[in-house]
């Protein structure tokens, strides 16, 4: 009987420690956002925009995704935003780091032009260091030429 009570108490203790919401203490410290909201942003709003080979300008399909992101972010002004810039595996490491930075900055510039506060936005570049897929064909490379918007936390290199 004592083992059952002990097991029950341990279960309750573990359940009380579970945290399913993100609390942003970087900007205001009082607002919260659930993991479900973050998953919705990533999977349904879309957290990724793609780029053309060797380019950092925003394509029409990227603008659609970014506008959806901005609409979702309108009433979540407390959330920090990190924009990650990526490149495919072609080219040197240094070149791709710079290209990833240009891509992340293109998204940041668009967000700033649409009224997002600069203090909310952080950028990082990974160049070709974090591919979605390791490959050597155009179909695969095209998925690695991207910018990813991460909300709810600041990421630094």
C-alpha atoms as a PDB file:
ATOM      1  CA  UNK A   1       0.000   0.000   0.000  1.00  0.00           C
ATOM      2  CA  UNK A   2       2.857   2.400   0.813  1.00  0.00           C
ATOM      3  CA  UNK A   3       4.419   1.684  -2.609  1.00  0.00           C
ATOM      4  CA  UNK A   4       1.140   2.577  -4.321  1.00  0.00           C
ATOM      5  CA  UNK A   5       0.813   5.836  -2.401  1.00  0.00           C
ATOM      6  CA  UNK A   6       4.468   6.648  -3.046  1.00  0.00           C
ATOM      7  CA  UNK A   7       4.051   5.906  -6.760  1.00  0.00           C
ATOM      8  CA  UNK A   8       0.954   8.109  -6.873  1.00  0.00           C
ATOM      9  CA  UNK A   9       2.780  10.991  -5.165  1.00  0.00           C
ATOM     10  CA  UNK A  10       5.761  10.678  -7.506  1.00  0.00           C
ATOM     11  CA  UNK A  11       3.404  10.733 -10.509  1.00  0.00           C
ATOM     12  CA  UNK A  12       1.668  13.856  -9.234  1.00  0.00           C
ATOM     13  CA  UNK A  13       5.023  15.500  -8.570  1.00  0.00           C
ATOM     14  CA  UNK A  14       6.253  14.728 -12.079  1.00  0.00           C
ATOM     15  CA  UNK A  15       3.025  15.980 -13.624  1.00  0.00           C
ATOM     16  CA  UNK A  16       3.317  19.240 -11.735  1.00  0.00           C
ATOM     17  CA  UNK A  17       6.841  19.720 -13.073  1.00  0.00           C
ATOM     18  CA  UNK A  18       5.768  19.248 -16.690  1.00  0.00           C
ATOM     19  CA  UNK A  19       5.840  22.516 -18.570  1.00  0.00           C
ATOM     20  CA  UNK A  20       4.007  22.589 -21.886  1.00  0.00           C
ATOM     21  CA  UNK A  21       4.109  26.326 -22.406  1.00  0.00           C
ATOM     22  CA  UNK A  22       6.933  28.623 -23.330  1.00  0.00           C
ATOM     23  CA  UNK A  23       7.387  31.667 -21.188  1.00  0.00           C
ATOM     24  CA  UNK A  24       9.223  34.441 -22.899  1.00  0.00           C
ATOM     25  CA  UNK A  25      11.257  36.293 -20.346  1.00  0.00           C
ATOM     26  CA  UNK A  26      13.470  37.978 -22.882  1.00  0.00           C
ATOM     27  CA  UNK A  27      11.089  40.792 -23.767  1.00  0.00           C
ATOM     28  CA  UNK A  28       8.401  41.171 -21.126  1.00  0.00           C
ATOM     29  CA  UNK A  29       8.435  38.094 -18.918  1.00  0.00           C
ATOM     30  CA  UNK A  30       4.668  37.914 -18.358  1.00  0.00           C
ATOM     31  CA  UNK A  31       3.168  36.531 -21.554  1.00  0.00           C
ATOM     32  CA  UNK A  32       3.063  32.849 -22.368  1.00  0.00           C
ATOM     33  CA  UNK A  33       2.628  30.827 -25.507  1.00  0.00           C
ATOM     34  CA  UNK A  34       1.806  27.152 -25.692  1.00  0.00           C
ATOM     35  CA  UNK A  35       3.783  24.529 -27.528  1.00  0.00           C
ATOM     36  CA  UNK A  36       0.648  23.939 -29.585  1.00  0.00           C
ATOM     37  CA  UNK A  37       0.799  27.554 -30.813  1.00  0.00           C
ATOM     38  CA  UNK A  38       4.482  27.168 -31.673  1.00  0.00           C
ATOM     39  CA  UNK A  39       3.751  23.924 -33.544  1.00  0.00           C
ATOM     40  CA  UNK A  40       0.916  25.670 -35.400  1.00  0.00           C
ATOM     41  CA  UNK A  41       3.318  28.418 -36.470  1.00  0.00           C
ATOM     42  CA  UNK A  42       5.950  25.974 -37.664  1.00  0.00           C
ATOM     43  CA  UNK A  43       3.697  23.498 -39.434  1.00  0.00           C
ATOM     44  CA  UNK A  44       0.640  25.438 -40.608  1.00  0.00           C
ATOM     45  CA  UNK A  45       1.701  29.077 -40.914  1.00  0.00           C
ATOM     46  CA  UNK A  46       5.084  27.977 -42.202  1.00  0.00           C
ATOM     47  CA  UNK A  47       8.460  28.802 -40.725  1.00  0.00           C
ATOM     48  CA  UNK A  48      10.556  28.360 -43.881  1.00  0.00           C
ATOM     49  CA  UNK A  49      11.038  30.378 -47.053  1.00  0.00           C
ATOM     50  CA  UNK A  50      13.109  29.145 -49.966  1.00  0.00           C
ATOM     51  CA  UNK A  51      15.580  31.010 -52.154  1.00  0.00           C
ATOM     52  CA  UNK A  52      16.894  30.732 -55.691  1.00  0.00           C
ATOM     53  CA  UNK A  53      20.463  29.546 -56.326  1.00  0.00           C
ATOM     54  CA  UNK A  54      23.020  32.120 -55.213  1.00  0.00           C
ATOM     55  CA  UNK A  55      20.294  34.691 -54.418  1.00  0.00           C
ATOM     56  CA  UNK A  56      18.982  36.392 -51.304  1.00  0.00           C
ATOM     57  CA  UNK A  57      16.041  38.293 -52.775  1.00  0.00           C
ATOM     58  CA  UNK A  58      12.567  37.288 -51.611  1.00  0.00           C
ATOM     59  CA  UNK A  59      10.512  35.385 -54.171  1.00  0.00           C
ATOM     60  CA  UNK A  60       6.711  35.749 -54.424  1.00  0.00           C
ATOM     61  CA  UNK A  61       6.164  32.406 -52.658  1.00  0.00           C
ATOM     62  CA  UNK A  62       8.445  33.579 -49.838  1.00  0.00           C
ATOM     63  CA  UNK A  63       6.445  36.796 -49.472  1.00  0.00           C
ATOM     64  CA  UNK A  64       3.254  34.771 -49.048  1.00  0.00           C
ATOM     65  CA  UNK A  65       4.812  32.777 -46.214  1.00  0.00           C
ATOM     66  CA  UNK A  66       6.293  35.875 -44.586  1.00  0.00           C
ATOM     67  CA  UNK A  67       2.947  37.674 -44.732  1.00  0.00           C
ATOM     68  CA  UNK A  68       1.329  34.682 -43.024  1.00  0.00           C
ATOM     69  CA  UNK A  69       4.035  34.799 -40.370  1.00  0.00           C
ATOM     70  CA  UNK A  70       3.462  38.517 -39.830  1.00  0.00           C
ATOM     71  CA  UNK A  71      -0.279  38.011 -39.473  1.00  0.00           C
ATOM     72  CA  UNK A  72       0.302  35.283 -36.853  1.00  0.00           C
ATOM     73  CA  UNK A  73       2.817  37.468 -35.015  1.00  0.00           C
ATOM     74  CA  UNK A  74       0.520  40.550 -34.878  1.00  0.00           C
ATOM     75  CA  UNK A  75      -0.909  39.837 -31.433  1.00  0.00           C
ATOM     76  CA  UNK A  76       2.232  38.138 -30.128  1.00  0.00           C
ATOM     77  CA  UNK A  77       4.484  41.164 -29.871  1.00  0.00           C
ATOM     78  CA  UNK A  78       6.139  39.685 -26.800  1.00  0.00           C
ATOM     79  CA  UNK A  79       7.753  36.846 -28.774  1.00  0.00           C
ATOM     80  CA  UNK A  80      11.383  37.129 -29.789  1.00  0.00           C
ATOM     81  CA  UNK A  81      12.145  36.133 -33.371  1.00  0.00           C
ATOM     82  CA  UNK A  82      15.287  34.446 -34.649  1.00  0.00           C
ATOM     83  CA  UNK A  83      15.810  34.231 -38.382  1.00  0.00           C
ATOM     84  CA  UNK A  84      18.191  31.517 -39.516  1.00  0.00           C
ATOM     85  CA  UNK A  85      19.904  31.788 -42.893  1.00  0.00           C
ATOM     86  CA  UNK A  86      20.973  28.621 -44.728  1.00  0.00           C
ATOM     87  CA  UNK A  87      22.623  27.663 -48.025  1.00  0.00           C
ATOM     88  CA  UNK A  88      23.090  24.472 -50.005  1.00  0.00           C
ATOM     89  CA  UNK A  89      26.355  22.549 -50.005  1.00  0.00           C
ATOM     90  CA  UNK A  90      27.698  24.125 -53.196  1.00  0.00           C
ATOM     91  CA  UNK A  91      30.413  26.717 -52.715  1.00  0.00           C
ATOM     92  CA  UNK A  92      32.871  27.422 -49.937  1.00  0.00           C
ATOM     93  CA  UNK A  93      32.002  27.530 -46.262  1.00  0.00           C
ATOM     94  CA  UNK A  94      32.778  31.246 -46.058  1.00  0.00           C
ATOM     95  CA  UNK A  95      30.708  32.123 -49.105  1.00  0.00           C
ATOM     96  CA  UNK A  96      27.723  30.143 -47.835  1.00  0.00           C
ATOM     97  CA  UNK A  97      27.914  31.720 -44.372  1.00  0.00           C
ATOM     98  CA  UNK A  98      27.744  35.145 -46.026  1.00  0.00           C
ATOM     99  CA  UNK A  99      24.892  34.013 -48.305  1.00  0.00           C
ATOM    100  CA  UNK A 100      22.963  32.631 -45.327  1.00  0.00           C
ATOM    101  CA  UNK A 101      23.430  35.967 -43.555  1.00  0.00           C
ATOM    102  CA  UNK A 102      22.138  37.872 -46.603  1.00  0.00           C
ATOM    103  CA  UNK A 103      19.076  35.612 -46.710  1.00  0.00           C
ATOM    104  CA  UNK A 104      18.342  36.070 -43.011  1.00  0.00           C
ATOM    105  CA  UNK A 105      18.824  39.832 -43.389  1.00  0.00           C
ATOM    106  CA  UNK A 106      16.414  39.910 -46.336  1.00  0.00           C
ATOM    107  CA  UNK A 107      13.710  38.443 -44.101  1.00  0.00           C
ATOM    108  CA  UNK A 108      14.636  40.772 -41.252  1.00  0.00           C
ATOM    109  CA  UNK A 109      14.466  43.807 -43.561  1.00  0.00           C
ATOM    110  CA  UNK A 110      11.028  42.716 -44.752  1.00  0.00           C
ATOM    111  CA  UNK A 111       9.793  42.285 -41.180  1.00  0.00           C
ATOM    112  CA  UNK A 112      11.163  45.712 -40.208  1.00  0.00           C
ATOM    113  CA  UNK A 113       9.462  47.311 -43.205  1.00  0.00           C
ATOM    114  CA  UNK A 114       6.183  45.766 -42.059  1.00  0.00           C
ATOM    115  CA  UNK A 115       6.533  47.228 -38.558  1.00  0.00           C
ATOM    116  CA  UNK A 116       8.149  44.491 -36.473  1.00  0.00           C
ATOM    117  CA  UNK A 117      10.338  46.041 -33.778  1.00  0.00           C
ATOM    118  CA  UNK A 118      14.038  45.601 -34.485  1.00  0.00           C
ATOM    119  CA  UNK A 119      14.771  44.600 -30.884  1.00  0.00           C
ATOM    120  CA  UNK A 120      12.644  41.475 -31.320  1.00  0.00           C
ATOM    121  CA  UNK A 121      14.667  40.141 -34.234  1.00  0.00           C
ATOM    122  CA  UNK A 122      17.910  38.214 -34.050  1.00  0.00           C
ATOM    123  CA  UNK A 123      19.625  36.629 -37.039  1.00  0.00           C
ATOM    124  CA  UNK A 124      22.028  33.718 -37.304  1.00  0.00           C
ATOM    125  CA  UNK A 125      23.669  32.189 -40.324  1.00  0.00           C
ATOM    126  CA  UNK A 126      24.534  28.548 -40.682  1.00  0.00           C
ATOM    127  CA  UNK A 127      25.596  28.606 -44.327  1.00  0.00           C
ATOM    128  CA  UNK A 128      25.798  25.007 -45.445  1.00  0.00           C
ATOM    129  CA  UNK A 129      26.482  23.672 -41.932  1.00  0.00           C
ATOM    130  CA  UNK A 130      22.888  22.574 -41.139  1.00  0.00           C
ATOM    131  CA  UNK A 131      21.334  21.077 -44.261  1.00  0.00           C
ATOM    132  CA  UNK A 132      17.881  19.543 -44.153  1.00  0.00           C
ATOM    133  CA  UNK A 133      19.296  16.816 -46.367  1.00  0.00           C
ATOM    134  CA  UNK A 134      22.782  15.882 -47.450  1.00  0.00           C
ATOM    135  CA  UNK A 135      22.600  15.444 -51.188  1.00  0.00           C
ATOM    136  CA  UNK A 136      24.052  16.238 -54.570  1.00  0.00           C
ATOM    137  CA  UNK A 137      21.144  17.073 -56.842  1.00  0.00           C
ATOM    138  CA  UNK A 138      19.108  20.191 -57.538  1.00  0.00           C
ATOM    139  CA  UNK A 139      15.824  18.942 -56.095  1.00  0.00           C
ATOM    140  CA  UNK A 140      17.482  18.318 -52.748  1.00  0.00           C
ATOM    141  CA  UNK A 141      19.707  21.407 -52.788  1.00  0.00           C
ATOM    142  CA  UNK A 142      16.675  23.619 -53.365  1.00  0.00           C
ATOM    143  CA  UNK A 143      15.306  22.619 -49.923  1.00  0.00           C
ATOM    144  CA  UNK A 144      18.553  23.660 -48.231  1.00  0.00           C
ATOM    145  CA  UNK A 145      18.522  27.201 -49.691  1.00  0.00           C
ATOM    146  CA  UNK A 146      16.263  28.647 -47.031  1.00  0.00           C
ATOM    147  CA  UNK A 147      15.530  30.959 -44.176  1.00  0.00           C
ATOM    148  CA  UNK A 148      13.792  29.629 -41.070  1.00  0.00           C
ATOM    149  CA  UNK A 149      11.879  31.869 -38.667  1.00  0.00           C
ATOM    150  CA  UNK A 150      12.051  30.596 -35.093  1.00  0.00           C
ATOM    151  CA  UNK A 151       9.699  32.271 -32.642  1.00  0.00           C
ATOM    152  CA  UNK A 152       9.779  32.193 -28.883  1.00  0.00           C
ATOM    153  CA  UNK A 153      13.521  32.023 -28.306  1.00  0.00           C
ATOM    154  CA  UNK A 154      16.717  33.724 -29.208  1.00  0.00           C
ATOM    155  CA  UNK A 155      19.346  31.574 -30.869  1.00  0.00           C
ATOM    156  CA  UNK A 156      22.946  32.572 -31.154  1.00  0.00           C
ATOM    157  CA  UNK A 157      25.688  30.900 -33.115  1.00  0.00           C
END
